[in-house]
């Protein structure tokens, strides 16, 4: 799965935004999948490959707004 970095985002903040965690295992897997990424800092709009966690479904981002009655 791929995603785009936001302005001023680091590898850790991106992982936390997508997965709700920035564990060492996730960070190591991120760098394995993105071998050209040599720093913690990402460029705005940079496309990066994300790890897949276990058997969980891939995280998704929606623009839905919850509505309660």
Protein backbone atom coordinates (compact mmCIF):
# COMPACT_ATOMS: atom_id res chain seq x y z
CA UNK A 1 0.00 0.00 0.00
CA UNK A 2 1.23 3.48 -0.81
CA UNK A 3 0.45 6.86 0.69
CA UNK A 4 1.52 10.46 0.26
CA UNK A 5 3.39 12.42 2.93
CA UNK A 6 1.88 15.62 4.27
CA UNK A 7 3.87 18.85 4.78
CA UNK A 8 6.30 18.73 7.74
CA UNK A 9 5.69 14.98 8.21
CA UNK A 10 8.33 12.58 9.47
CA UNK A 11 8.41 8.81 9.08
CA UNK A 12 7.16 8.41 12.66
CA UNK A 13 4.27 10.87 12.35
CA UNK A 14 3.21 9.27 9.06
CA UNK A 15 3.21 5.79 10.63
CA UNK A 16 1.24 7.07 13.61
CA UNK A 17 -1.26 8.87 11.36
CA UNK A 18 -1.91 5.74 9.28
CA UNK A 19 -1.53 2.93 11.84
CA UNK A 20 -1.99 4.63 15.22
CA UNK A 21 1.47 3.34 16.16
CA UNK A 22 5.07 4.17 15.36
CA UNK A 23 6.75 1.09 16.80
CA UNK A 24 10.34 0.16 16.02
CA UNK A 25 9.10 -2.84 14.01
CA UNK A 26 6.90 -0.63 11.81
CA UNK A 27 9.71 1.88 11.34
CA UNK A 28 12.21 -0.84 10.38
CA UNK A 29 9.74 -2.33 7.88
CA UNK A 30 9.07 1.15 6.45
CA UNK A 31 12.78 1.69 5.78
CA UNK A 32 13.08 -1.81 4.27
CA UNK A 33 10.23 -1.02 1.85
CA UNK A 34 11.63 2.43 1.04
CA UNK A 35 15.40 1.88 0.70
CA UNK A 36 16.01 5.32 -0.84
CA UNK A 37 14.59 7.02 2.27
CA UNK A 38 17.70 7.81 4.32
CA UNK A 39 16.36 10.42 6.74
CA UNK A 40 13.50 10.72 9.18
CA UNK A 41 12.06 13.68 7.25
CA UNK A 42 9.69 13.28 4.29
CA UNK A 43 9.08 15.69 1.44
CA UNK A 44 5.52 17.04 1.12
CA UNK A 45 3.69 14.94 -1.46
CA UNK A 46 6.34 12.19 -1.38
CA UNK A 47 4.87 8.80 -2.28
CA UNK A 48 6.00 6.03 0.09
CA UNK A 49 5.29 2.33 0.46
CA UNK A 50 3.67 1.28 3.75
CA UNK A 51 4.06 -2.03 5.57
CA UNK A 52 1.12 -4.38 5.94
CA UNK A 53 0.48 -5.41 9.53
CA UNK A 54 -0.23 -9.10 10.11
CA UNK A 55 -3.61 -10.35 8.90
CA UNK A 56 -5.35 -7.06 9.60
CA UNK A 57 -7.01 -5.34 6.65
CA UNK A 58 -5.04 -2.51 5.11
CA UNK A 59 -5.79 0.84 6.71
CA UNK A 60 -8.00 3.11 4.66
CA UNK A 61 -8.59 6.81 4.70
CA UNK A 62 -12.07 8.08 4.03
CA UNK A 63 -13.54 11.51 3.77
CA UNK A 64 -16.82 10.45 5.35
CA UNK A 65 -18.30 12.64 8.04
CA UNK A 66 -20.15 10.72 10.78
CA UNK A 67 -23.70 11.89 11.36
CA UNK A 68 -25.66 11.09 14.50
CA UNK A 69 -29.40 11.39 14.85
